[in-house]
Amino acid sequence: MNETPVITATNREKTTMNRLIFTVSAVLAFATVVLAGDVHVRGYYRSDGTYVRPHVRNAPNASRSDNYGRPSASDRAFGVPAQQRDYDGNGTLNQFDSDDDNDGVLDDNE
């Protein structure tokens, strides 16, 4: 009878394969975190002719109340966290204000 030889992996091969699997998993996990973070926005011209310089912002999500990005230089200088901004000055923080620019249109409809 012809028996098929059984091929077994040595401990060294198993260790190499485990390292490879771990490395690939770590790279994929890191790439997912990095890709979900920041969005690079190219410079563009607004309809009124104003040029907006290229910048980096947080990746948007479904919520409109937490996409405030990084604190600006003035926020850092005066110690105001991004979560405590009040653009229209009505005393309600933007994250809780349904019309944070006070134009009469709810933010979800803008």
PDB file of N, CA and C in Angstrom:
ATOM      1  N   MET A   1       0.824  -1.181   0.000  1.00  0.00           N
ATOM      2  CA  MET A   1       0.000   0.000   0.000  1.00  0.00           C
ATOM      3  C   MET A   1       0.869   1.245   0.000  1.00  0.00           C
ATOM      4  N   ASN A   2       0.414   2.198  -0.782  1.00  0.00           N
ATOM      5  CA  ASN A   2       1.103   3.483  -0.792  1.00  0.00           C
ATOM      6  C   ASN A   2       0.439   4.406   0.217  1.00  0.00           C
ATOM      7  N   GLU A   3       1.174   4.751   1.221  1.00  0.00           N
ATOM      8  CA  GLU A   3       0.642   5.677   2.221  1.00  0.00           C
ATOM      9  C   GLU A   3       1.180   7.079   1.944  1.00  0.00           C
ATOM     10  N   THR A   4       0.276   8.041   2.066  1.00  0.00           N
ATOM     11  CA  THR A   4       0.679   9.428   1.884  1.00  0.00           C
ATOM     12  C   THR A   4       1.446   9.872   3.115  1.00  0.00           C
ATOM     13  N   PRO A   5       2.627  10.423   2.919  1.00  0.00           N
ATOM     14  CA  PRO A   5       3.384  10.849   4.101  1.00  0.00           C
ATOM     15  C   PRO A   5       2.709  12.049   4.776  1.00  0.00           C
ATOM     16  N   VAL A   6       2.727  12.033   6.072  1.00  0.00           N
ATOM     17  CA  VAL A   6       2.153  13.126   6.856  1.00  0.00           C
ATOM     18  C   VAL A   6       3.236  14.176   7.070  1.00  0.00           C
ATOM     19  N   ILE A   7       2.918  15.385   6.656  1.00  0.00           N
ATOM     20  CA  ILE A   7       3.885  16.471   6.811  1.00  0.00           C
ATOM     21  C   ILE A   7       3.496  17.267   8.045  1.00  0.00           C
ATOM     22  N   THR A   8       4.409  17.375   8.953  1.00  0.00           N
ATOM     23  CA  THR A   8       4.145  18.145  10.169  1.00  0.00           C
ATOM     24  C   THR A   8       5.080  19.349  10.209  1.00  0.00           C
ATOM     25  N   ALA A   9       4.591  20.408  10.785  1.00  0.00           N
ATOM     26  CA  ALA A   9       5.391  21.626  10.908  1.00  0.00           C
ATOM     27  C   ALA A   9       6.274  21.526  12.138  1.00  0.00           C
ATOM     28  N   THR A  10       7.472  22.005  12.003  1.00  0.00           N
ATOM     29  CA  THR A  10       8.366  22.024  13.149  1.00  0.00           C
ATOM     30  C   THR A  10       7.989  23.197  14.049  1.00  0.00           C
ATOM     31  N   ASN A  11       8.537  23.198  15.224  1.00  0.00           N
ATOM     32  CA  ASN A  11       8.268  24.298  16.158  1.00  0.00           C
ATOM     33  C   ASN A  11       8.728  25.629  15.577  1.00  0.00           C
ATOM     34  N   ARG A  12       9.833  25.609  14.854  1.00  0.00           N
ATOM     35  CA  ARG A  12      10.336  26.843  14.260  1.00  0.00           C
ATOM     36  C   ARG A  12       9.362  27.376  13.212  1.00  0.00           C
ATOM     37  N   GLU A  13       8.809  26.497  12.390  1.00  0.00           N
ATOM     38  CA  GLU A  13       7.841  26.916  11.375  1.00  0.00           C
ATOM     39  C   GLU A  13       6.563  27.444  12.022  1.00  0.00           C
ATOM     40  N   LYS A  14       6.137  26.798  13.105  1.00  0.00           N
ATOM     41  CA  LYS A  14       4.938  27.261  13.816  1.00  0.00           C
ATOM     42  C   LYS A  14       5.169  28.659  14.396  1.00  0.00           C
ATOM     43  N   THR A  15       6.342  28.867  14.982  1.00  0.00           N
ATOM     44  CA  THR A  15       6.665  30.169  15.556  1.00  0.00           C
ATOM     45  C   THR A  15       6.705  31.242  14.472  1.00  0.00           C
ATOM     46  N   THR A  16       7.301  30.914  13.335  1.00  0.00           N
ATOM     47  CA  THR A  16       7.360  31.862  12.223  1.00  0.00           C
ATOM     48  C   THR A  16       5.961  32.204  11.733  1.00  0.00           C
ATOM     49  N   MET A  17       5.102  31.211  11.600  1.00  0.00           N
ATOM     50  CA  MET A  17       3.733  31.439  11.135  1.00  0.00           C
ATOM     51  C   MET A  17       2.947  32.268  12.153  1.00  0.00           C
ATOM     52  N   ASN A  18       3.120  31.989  13.433  1.00  0.00           N
ATOM     53  CA  ASN A  18       2.433  32.770  14.467  1.00  0.00           C
ATOM     54  C   ASN A  18       2.881  34.233  14.437  1.00  0.00           C
ATOM     55  N   ARG A  19       4.173  34.464  14.245  1.00  0.00           N
ATOM     56  CA  ARG A  19       4.673  35.839  14.155  1.00  0.00           C
ATOM     57  C   ARG A  19       4.091  36.550  12.940  1.00  0.00           C
ATOM     58  N   LEU A  20       4.021  35.840  11.826  1.00  0.00           N
ATOM     59  CA  LEU A  20       3.474  36.426  10.606  1.00  0.00           C
ATOM     60  C   LEU A  20       2.004  36.800  10.796  1.00  0.00           C
ATOM     61  N   ILE A  21       1.237  35.902  11.381  1.00  0.00           N
ATOM     62  CA  ILE A  21      -0.184  36.173  11.626  1.00  0.00           C
ATOM     63  C   ILE A  21      -0.339  37.363  12.570  1.00  0.00           C
ATOM     64  N   PHE A  22       0.464  37.407  13.628  1.00  0.00           N
ATOM     65  CA  PHE A  22       0.392  38.521  14.575  1.00  0.00           C
ATOM     66  C   PHE A  22       0.757  39.843  13.898  1.00  0.00           C
ATOM     67  N   THR A  23       1.817  39.837  13.098  1.00  0.00           N
ATOM     68  CA  THR A  23       2.259  41.059  12.424  1.00  0.00           C
ATOM     69  C   THR A  23       1.201  41.577  11.459  1.00  0.00           C
ATOM     70  N   VAL A  24       0.627  40.690  10.662  1.00  0.00           N
ATOM     71  CA  VAL A  24      -0.416  41.097   9.716  1.00  0.00           C
ATOM     72  C   VAL A  24      -1.627  41.637  10.467  1.00  0.00           C
ATOM     73  N   SER A  25      -2.016  40.983  11.558  1.00  0.00           N
ATOM     74  CA  SER A  25      -3.156  41.452  12.353  1.00  0.00           C
ATOM     75  C   SER A  25      -2.882  42.830  12.948  1.00  0.00           C
ATOM     76  N   ALA A  26      -1.680  43.035  13.464  1.00  0.00           N
ATOM     77  CA  ALA A  26      -1.331  44.323  14.060  1.00  0.00           C
ATOM     78  C   ALA A  26      -1.326  45.433  13.011  1.00  0.00           C
ATOM     79  N   VAL A  27      -0.795  45.151  11.835  1.00  0.00           N
ATOM     80  CA  VAL A  27      -0.768  46.156  10.764  1.00  0.00           C
ATOM     81  C   VAL A  27      -2.183  46.517  10.339  1.00  0.00           C
ATOM     82  N   LEU A  28      -3.050  45.531  10.190  1.00  0.00           N
ATOM     83  CA  LEU A  28      -4.440  45.802   9.806  1.00  0.00           C
ATOM     84  C   LEU A  28      -5.164  46.614  10.876  1.00  0.00           C
ATOM     85  N   ALA A  29      -4.952  46.272  12.142  1.00  0.00           N
ATOM     86  CA  ALA A  29      -5.600  47.010  13.228  1.00  0.00           C
ATOM     87  C   ALA A  29      -5.103  48.455  13.262  1.00  0.00           C
ATOM     88  N   PHE A  30      -3.806  48.657  13.106  1.00  0.00           N
ATOM     89  CA  PHE A  30      -3.238  50.007  13.111  1.00  0.00           C
ATOM     90  C   PHE A  30      -3.741  50.812  11.919  1.00  0.00           C
ATOM     91  N   ALA A  31      -3.804  50.190  10.756  1.00  0.00           N
ATOM     92  CA  ALA A  31      -4.274  50.887   9.553  1.00  0.00           C
ATOM     93  C   ALA A  31      -5.722  51.328   9.718  1.00  0.00           C
ATOM     94  N   THR A  32      -6.537  50.510  10.357  1.00  0.00           N
ATOM     95  CA  THR A  32      -7.936  50.859  10.582  1.00  0.00           C
ATOM     96  C   THR A  32      -8.043  52.086  11.477  1.00  0.00           C
ATOM     97  N   VAL A  33      -7.246  52.135  12.531  1.00  0.00           N
ATOM     98  CA  VAL A  33      -7.267  53.276  13.445  1.00  0.00           C
ATOM     99  C   VAL A  33      -6.781  54.532  12.736  1.00  0.00           C
ATOM    100  N   VAL A  34      -5.732  54.418  11.967  1.00  0.00           N
ATOM    101  CA  VAL A  34      -5.180  55.576  11.263  1.00  0.00           C
ATOM    102  C   VAL A  34      -6.156  56.081  10.215  1.00  0.00           C
ATOM    103  N   LEU A  35      -6.769  55.194   9.466  1.00  0.00           N
ATOM    104  CA  LEU A  35      -7.676  55.603   8.404  1.00  0.00           C
ATOM    105  C   LEU A  35      -8.948  56.240   8.946  1.00  0.00           C
ATOM    106  N   ALA A  36      -9.337  55.890  10.155  1.00  0.00           N
ATOM    107  CA  ALA A  36     -10.558  56.439  10.724  1.00  0.00           C
ATOM    108  C   ALA A  36     -10.336  57.806  11.356  1.00  0.00           C
ATOM    109  N   GLY A  37      -9.107  58.251  11.450  1.00  0.00           N
ATOM    110  CA  GLY A  37      -8.804  59.480  12.163  1.00  0.00           C
ATOM    111  C   GLY A  37      -9.025  60.759  11.400  1.00  0.00           C
ATOM    112  N   ASP A  38      -8.015  61.230  10.716  1.00  0.00           N
ATOM    113  CA  ASP A  38      -8.049  62.554  10.110  1.00  0.00           C
ATOM    114  C   ASP A  38      -8.322  62.498   8.612  1.00  0.00           C
ATOM    115  N   VAL A  39      -8.869  63.581   8.106  1.00  0.00           N
ATOM    116  CA  VAL A  39      -9.128  63.741   6.679  1.00  0.00           C
ATOM    117  C   VAL A  39      -8.351  64.967   6.215  1.00  0.00           C
ATOM    118  N   HIS A  40      -7.566  64.813   5.169  1.00  0.00           N
ATOM    119  CA  HIS A  40      -6.816  65.936   4.598  1.00  0.00           C
ATOM    120  C   HIS A  40      -7.688  66.605   3.545  1.00  0.00           C
ATOM    121  N   VAL A  41      -7.949  67.885   3.730  1.00  0.00           N
ATOM    122  CA  VAL A  41      -8.809  68.645   2.815  1.00  0.00           C
ATOM    123  C   VAL A  41      -7.924  69.521   1.939  1.00  0.00           C
ATOM    124  N   ARG A  42      -8.095  69.414   0.631  1.00  0.00           N
ATOM    125  CA  ARG A  42      -7.326  70.240  -0.303  1.00  0.00           C
ATOM    126  C   ARG A  42      -7.825  71.680  -0.265  1.00  0.00           C
ATOM    127  N   GLY A  43      -6.960  72.604  -0.640  1.00  0.00           N
ATOM    128  CA  GLY A  43      -7.359  74.003  -0.717  1.00  0.00           C
ATOM    129  C   GLY A  43      -8.399  74.197  -1.810  1.00  0.00           C
ATOM    130  N   TYR A  44      -9.277  75.158  -1.607  1.00  0.00           N
ATOM    131  CA  TYR A  44     -10.330  75.408  -2.597  1.00  0.00           C
ATOM    132  C   TYR A  44     -10.784  76.860  -2.495  1.00  0.00           C
ATOM    133  N   TYR A  45     -11.518  77.304  -3.510  1.00  0.00           N
ATOM    134  CA  TYR A  45     -12.076  78.652  -3.531  1.00  0.00           C
ATOM    135  C   TYR A  45     -13.567  78.588  -3.214  1.00  0.00           C
ATOM    136  N   ARG A  46     -14.008  79.433  -2.299  1.00  0.00           N
ATOM    137  CA  ARG A  46     -15.433  79.540  -1.997  1.00  0.00           C
ATOM    138  C   ARG A  46     -16.127  80.318  -3.103  1.00  0.00           C
ATOM    139  N   SER A  47     -17.459  80.306  -3.075  1.00  0.00           N
ATOM    140  CA  SER A  47     -18.220  80.998  -4.124  1.00  0.00           C
ATOM    141  C   SER A  47     -17.988  82.510  -4.107  1.00  0.00           C
ATOM    142  N   ASP A  48     -17.578  83.055  -2.940  1.00  0.00           N
ATOM    143  CA  ASP A  48     -17.314  84.499  -2.881  1.00  0.00           C
ATOM    144  C   ASP A  48     -15.872  84.850  -3.257  1.00  0.00           C
ATOM    145  N   GLY A  49     -15.090  83.857  -3.706  1.00  0.00           N
ATOM    146  CA  GLY A  49     -13.722  84.094  -4.151  1.00  0.00           C
ATOM    147  C   GLY A  49     -12.668  83.918  -3.080  1.00  0.00           C
ATOM    148  N   THR A  50     -13.058  83.660  -1.835  1.00  0.00           N
ATOM    149  CA  THR A  50     -12.109  83.469  -0.746  1.00  0.00           C
ATOM    150  C   THR A  50     -11.418  82.121  -0.904  1.00  0.00           C
ATOM    151  N   TYR A  51     -10.079  82.117  -0.767  1.00  0.00           N
ATOM    152  CA  TYR A  51      -9.327  80.866  -0.849  1.00  0.00           C
ATOM    153  C   TYR A  51      -9.234  80.244   0.539  1.00  0.00           C
ATOM    154  N   VAL A  52      -9.575  78.974   0.645  1.00  0.00           N
ATOM    155  CA  VAL A  52      -9.457  78.227   1.898  1.00  0.00           C
ATOM    156  C   VAL A  52      -8.216  77.353   1.776  1.00  0.00           C
ATOM    157  N   ARG A  53      -7.264  77.562   2.686  1.00  0.00           N
ATOM    158  CA  ARG A  53      -6.010  76.817   2.635  1.00  0.00           C
ATOM    159  C   ARG A  53      -6.240  75.342   2.934  1.00  0.00           C
ATOM    160  N   PRO A  54      -5.351  74.462   2.452  1.00  0.00           N
ATOM    161  CA  PRO A  54      -5.457  73.035   2.800  1.00  0.00           C
ATOM    162  C   PRO A  54      -5.367  72.869   4.314  1.00  0.00           C
ATOM    163  N   HIS A  55      -6.095  71.919   4.849  1.00  0.00           N
ATOM    164  CA  HIS A  55      -6.094  71.694   6.288  1.00  0.00           C
ATOM    165  C   HIS A  55      -6.459  70.248   6.593  1.00  0.00           C
ATOM    166  N   VAL A  56      -6.358  69.895   7.862  1.00  0.00           N
ATOM    167  CA  VAL A  56      -6.689  68.553   8.337  1.00  0.00           C
ATOM    168  C   VAL A  56      -7.874  68.674   9.272  1.00  0.00           C
ATOM    169  N   ARG A  57      -8.838  67.780   9.121  1.00  0.00           N
ATOM    170  CA  ARG A  57      -9.992  67.772  10.020  1.00  0.00           C
ATOM    171  C   ARG A  57     -10.292  66.336  10.419  1.00  0.00           C
ATOM    172  N   ASN A  58     -11.087  66.165  11.454  1.00  0.00           N
ATOM    173  CA  ASN A  58     -11.510  64.828  11.860  1.00  0.00           C
ATOM    174  C   ASN A  58     -12.439  64.243  10.820  1.00  0.00           C
ATOM    175  N   ALA A  59     -12.422  62.933  10.699  1.00  0.00           N
ATOM    176  CA  ALA A  59     -13.345  62.271   9.786  1.00  0.00           C
ATOM    177  C   ALA A  59     -14.763  62.461  10.315  1.00  0.00           C
ATOM    178  N   PRO A  60     -15.689  62.850   9.466  1.00  0.00           N
ATOM    179  CA  PRO A  60     -17.064  63.062   9.927  1.00  0.00           C
ATOM    180  C   PRO A  60     -17.759  61.747  10.242  1.00  0.00           C
ATOM    181  N   ASN A  61     -18.772  61.835  11.082  1.00  0.00           N
ATOM    182  CA  ASN A  61     -19.609  60.671  11.360  1.00  0.00           C
ATOM    183  C   ASN A  61     -21.065  61.108  11.247  1.00  0.00           C
ATOM    184  N   ALA A  62     -21.993  60.273  11.687  1.00  0.00           N
ATOM    185  CA  ALA A  62     -23.416  60.565  11.523  1.00  0.00           C
ATOM    186  C   ALA A  62     -23.903  61.691  12.436  1.00  0.00           C
ATOM    187  N   SER A  63     -23.189  61.953  13.526  1.00  0.00           N
ATOM    188  CA  SER A  63     -23.621  62.973  14.475  1.00  0.00           C
ATOM    189  C   SER A  63     -23.087  64.344  14.074  1.00  0.00           C
ATOM    190  N   ARG A  64     -23.903  65.380  14.195  1.00  0.00           N
ATOM    191  CA  ARG A  64     -23.442  66.740  13.898  1.00  0.00           C
ATOM    192  C   ARG A  64     -22.946  67.454  15.150  1.00  0.00           C
ATOM    193  N   SER A  65     -23.102  66.829  16.317  1.00  0.00           N
ATOM    194  CA  SER A  65     -22.783  67.544  17.544  1.00  0.00           C
ATOM    195  C   SER A  65     -21.380  67.271  18.070  1.00  0.00           C
ATOM    196  N   ASP A  66     -20.602  66.399  17.420  1.00  0.00           N
ATOM    197  CA  ASP A  66     -19.272  66.118  17.956  1.00  0.00           C
ATOM    198  C   ASP A  66     -18.163  66.237  16.916  1.00  0.00           C
ATOM    199  N   ASN A  67     -18.415  66.884  15.806  1.00  0.00           N
ATOM    200  CA  ASN A  67     -17.411  67.006  14.754  1.00  0.00           C
ATOM    201  C   ASN A  67     -16.756  68.382  14.780  1.00  0.00           C
ATOM    202  N   TYR A  68     -16.172  68.744  15.911  1.00  0.00           N
ATOM    203  CA  TYR A  68     -15.580  70.060  16.058  1.00  0.00           C
ATOM    204  C   TYR A  68     -14.091  70.088  15.761  1.00  0.00           C
ATOM    205  N   GLY A  69     -13.472  68.938  15.522  1.00  0.00           N
ATOM    206  CA  GLY A  69     -12.059  68.901  15.157  1.00  0.00           C
ATOM    207  C   GLY A  69     -11.149  69.256  16.312  1.00  0.00           C
ATOM    208  N   ARG A  70      -9.932  69.581  15.945  1.00  0.00           N
ATOM    209  CA  ARG A  70      -8.936  69.947  16.947  1.00  0.00           C
ATOM    210  C   ARG A  70      -9.179  71.376  17.425  1.00  0.00           C
ATOM    211  N   PRO A  71      -8.767  71.682  18.659  1.00  0.00           N
ATOM    212  CA  PRO A  71      -8.915  73.056  19.138  1.00  0.00           C
ATOM    213  C   PRO A  71      -8.075  74.010  18.291  1.00  0.00           C
ATOM    214  N   SER A  72      -8.573  75.200  18.063  1.00  0.00           N
ATOM    215  CA  SER A  72      -7.824  76.196  17.298  1.00  0.00           C
ATOM    216  C   SER A  72      -6.744  76.803  18.190  1.00  0.00           C
ATOM    217  N   ALA A  73      -5.887  77.614  17.595  1.00  0.00           N
ATOM    218  CA  ALA A  73      -4.815  78.251  18.358  1.00  0.00           C
ATOM    219  C   ALA A  73      -5.387  79.145  19.451  1.00  0.00           C
ATOM    220  N   SER A  74      -6.487  79.859  19.143  1.00  0.00           N
ATOM    221  CA  SER A  74      -7.064  80.739  20.160  1.00  0.00           C
ATOM    222  C   SER A  74      -7.684  79.929  21.294  1.00  0.00           C
ATOM    223  N   ASP A  75      -8.264  78.767  20.962  1.00  0.00           N
ATOM    224  CA  ASP A  75      -8.811  77.911  22.018  1.00  0.00           C
ATOM    225  C   ASP A  75      -7.696  77.428  22.942  1.00  0.00           C
ATOM    226  N   ARG A  76      -6.553  77.052  22.353  1.00  0.00           N
ATOM    227  CA  ARG A  76      -5.436  76.583  23.175  1.00  0.00           C
ATOM    228  C   ARG A  76      -4.867  77.729  24.001  1.00  0.00           C
ATOM    229  N   ALA A  77      -4.805  78.926  23.413  1.00  0.00           N
ATOM    230  CA  ALA A  77      -4.229  80.073  24.116  1.00  0.00           C
ATOM    231  C   ALA A  77      -5.083  80.469  25.317  1.00  0.00           C
ATOM    232  N   PHE A  78      -6.396  80.403  25.161  1.00  0.00           N
ATOM    233  CA  PHE A  78      -7.286  80.807  26.242  1.00  0.00           C
ATOM    234  C   PHE A  78      -7.787  79.632  27.073  1.00  0.00           C
ATOM    235  N   GLY A  79      -7.334  78.411  26.748  1.00  0.00           N
ATOM    236  CA  GLY A  79      -7.687  77.239  27.534  1.00  0.00           C
ATOM    237  C   GLY A  79      -9.129  76.798  27.381  1.00  0.00           C
ATOM    238  N   VAL A  80      -9.743  77.044  26.226  1.00  0.00           N
ATOM    239  CA  VAL A  80     -11.127  76.635  25.999  1.00  0.00           C
ATOM    240  C   VAL A  80     -11.128  75.318  25.229  1.00  0.00           C
ATOM    241  N   PRO A  81     -11.571  74.226  25.840  1.00  0.00           N
ATOM    242  CA  PRO A  81     -11.637  72.964  25.102  1.00  0.00           C
ATOM    243  C   PRO A  81     -12.630  73.064  23.945  1.00  0.00           C
ATOM    244  N   ALA A  82     -12.393  72.295  22.886  1.00  0.00           N
ATOM    245  CA  ALA A  82     -13.257  72.328  21.704  1.00  0.00           C
ATOM    246  C   ALA A  82     -14.698  71.991  22.060  1.00  0.00           C
ATOM    247  N   GLN A  83     -14.898  71.162  23.069  1.00  0.00           N
ATOM    248  CA  GLN A  83     -16.252  70.765  23.444  1.00  0.00           C
ATOM    249  C   GLN A  83     -17.000  71.873  24.172  1.00  0.00           C
ATOM    250  N   GLN A  84     -16.337  72.979  24.507  1.00  0.00           N
ATOM    251  CA  GLN A  84     -16.994  74.051  25.256  1.00  0.00           C
ATOM    252  C   GLN A  84     -17.149  75.323  24.434  1.00  0.00           C
ATOM    253  N   ARG A  85     -17.171  75.206  23.123  1.00  0.00           N
ATOM    254  CA  ARG A  85     -17.350  76.380  22.270  1.00  0.00           C
ATOM    255  C   ARG A  85     -18.816  76.798  22.243  1.00  0.00           C
ATOM    256  N   ASP A  86     -19.034  78.101  22.142  1.00  0.00           N
ATOM    257  CA  ASP A  86     -20.378  78.660  22.017  1.00  0.00           C
ATOM    258  C   ASP A  86     -20.319  79.741  20.946  1.00  0.00           C
ATOM    259  N   TYR A  87     -20.499  79.343  19.684  1.00  0.00           N
ATOM    260  CA  TYR A  87     -20.319  80.260  18.562  1.00  0.00           C
ATOM    261  C   TYR A  87     -21.299  81.432  18.572  1.00  0.00           C
ATOM    262  N   ASP A  88     -22.547  81.202  18.957  1.00  0.00           N
ATOM    263  CA  ASP A  88     -23.519  82.295  18.890  1.00  0.00           C
ATOM    264  C   ASP A  88     -23.621  83.082  20.193  1.00  0.00           C
ATOM    265  N   GLY A  89     -22.898  82.675  21.230  1.00  0.00           N
ATOM    266  CA  GLY A  89     -22.846  83.433  22.473  1.00  0.00           C
ATOM    267  C   GLY A  89     -24.146  83.471  23.261  1.00  0.00           C
ATOM    268  N   ASN A  90     -25.006  82.459  23.081  1.00  0.00           N
ATOM    269  CA  ASN A  90     -26.278  82.464  23.797  1.00  0.00           C
ATOM    270  C   ASN A  90     -26.207  81.716  25.126  1.00  0.00           C
ATOM    271  N   GLY A  91     -25.027  81.238  25.502  1.00  0.00           N
ATOM    272  CA  GLY A  91     -24.873  80.552  26.774  1.00  0.00           C
ATOM    273  C   GLY A  91     -25.071  79.051  26.692  1.00  0.00           C
ATOM    274  N   THR A  92     -25.437  78.526  25.537  1.00  0.00           N
ATOM    275  CA  THR A  92     -25.600  77.086  25.346  1.00  0.00           C
ATOM    276  C   THR A  92     -24.434  76.581  24.508  1.00  0.00           C
ATOM    277  N   LEU A  93     -23.707  75.581  25.026  1.00  0.00           N
ATOM    278  CA  LEU A  93     -22.570  75.040  24.292  1.00  0.00           C
ATOM    279  C   LEU A  93     -23.031  74.477  22.958  1.00  0.00           C
ATOM    280  N   ASN A  94     -22.169  74.572  21.940  1.00  0.00           N
ATOM    281  CA  ASN A  94     -22.530  74.118  20.599  1.00  0.00           C
ATOM    282  C   ASN A  94     -23.010  72.675  20.572  1.00  0.00           C
ATOM    283  N   GLN A  95     -22.393  71.814  21.375  1.00  0.00           N
ATOM    284  CA  GLN A  95     -22.774  70.409  21.335  1.00  0.00           C
ATOM    285  C   GLN A  95     -24.195  70.184  21.851  1.00  0.00           C
ATOM    286  N   PHE A  96     -24.753  71.146  22.577  1.00  0.00           N
ATOM    287  CA  PHE A  96     -26.124  71.025  23.072  1.00  0.00           C
ATOM    288  C   PHE A  96     -27.077  72.007  22.387  1.00  0.00           C
ATOM    289  N   ASP A  97     -26.556  72.873  21.534  1.00  0.00           N
ATOM    290  CA  ASP A  97     -27.339  73.918  20.884  1.00  0.00           C
ATOM    291  C   ASP A  97     -27.801  73.430  19.517  1.00  0.00           C
ATOM    292  N   SER A  98     -29.105  73.334  19.303  1.00  0.00           N
ATOM    293  CA  SER A  98     -29.615  72.829  18.027  1.00  0.00           C
ATOM    294  C   SER A  98     -29.480  73.856  16.906  1.00  0.00           C
ATOM    295  N   ASP A  99     -29.161  75.108  17.239  1.00  0.00           N
ATOM    296  CA  ASP A  99     -28.917  76.151  16.234  1.00  0.00           C
ATOM    297  C   ASP A  99     -27.706  76.962  16.699  1.00  0.00           C
ATOM    298  N   ASP A 100     -26.500  76.359  16.590  1.00  0.00           N
ATOM    299  CA  ASP A 100     -25.330  76.982  17.201  1.00  0.00           C
ATOM    300  C   ASP A 100     -24.779  78.185  16.446  1.00  0.00           C
ATOM    301  N   ASP A 101     -25.296  78.492  15.254  1.00  0.00           N
ATOM    302  CA  ASP A 101     -24.861  79.723  14.591  1.00  0.00           C
ATOM    303  C   ASP A 101     -25.952  80.790  14.607  1.00  0.00           C
ATOM    304  N   ASN A 102     -27.074  80.489  15.246  1.00  0.00           N
ATOM    305  CA  ASN A 102     -28.155  81.440  15.506  1.00  0.00           C
ATOM    306  C   ASN A 102     -28.726  82.060  14.227  1.00  0.00           C
ATOM    307  N   ASP A 103     -28.850  81.238  13.169  1.00  0.00           N
ATOM    308  CA  ASP A 103     -29.409  81.748  11.914  1.00  0.00           C
ATOM    309  C   ASP A 103     -30.875  81.375  11.734  1.00  0.00           C
ATOM    310  N   GLY A 104     -31.476  80.736  12.742  1.00  0.00           N
ATOM    311  CA  GLY A 104     -32.882  80.370  12.669  1.00  0.00           C
ATOM    312  C   GLY A 104     -33.135  79.036  11.995  1.00  0.00           C
ATOM    313  N   VAL A 105     -32.080  78.384  11.502  1.00  0.00           N
ATOM    314  CA  VAL A 105     -32.211  77.075  10.861  1.00  0.00           C
ATOM    315  C   VAL A 105     -31.526  76.053  11.756  1.00  0.00           C
ATOM    316  N   LEU A 106     -32.229  74.965  12.088  1.00  0.00           N
ATOM    317  CA  LEU A 106     -31.631  73.938  12.931  1.00  0.00           C
ATOM    318  C   LEU A 106     -30.396  73.363  12.249  1.00  0.00           C
ATOM    319  N   ASP A 107     -29.375  73.024  13.056  1.00  0.00           N
ATOM    320  CA  ASP A 107     -28.117  72.536  12.504  1.00  0.00           C
ATOM    321  C   ASP A 107     -28.294  71.258  11.694  1.00  0.00           C
ATOM    322  N   ASP A 108     -29.227  70.405  12.057  1.00  0.00           N
ATOM    323  CA  ASP A 108     -29.446  69.164  11.317  1.00  0.00           C
ATOM    324  C   ASP A 108     -29.995  69.426   9.923  1.00  0.00           C
ATOM    325  N   ASN A 109     -30.556  70.616   9.691  1.00  0.00           N
ATOM    326  CA  ASN A 109     -31.117  70.955   8.382  1.00  0.00           C
ATOM    327  C   ASN A 109     -30.170  71.802   7.541  1.00  0.00           C
ATOM    328  N   GLU A 110     -29.005  72.161   8.087  1.00  0.00           N
ATOM    329  CA  GLU A 110     -28.057  73.007   7.340  1.00  0.00           C
ATOM    330  C   GLU A 110     -27.137  72.145   6.525  1.00  0.00           C
TER     331      GLU A 110
END
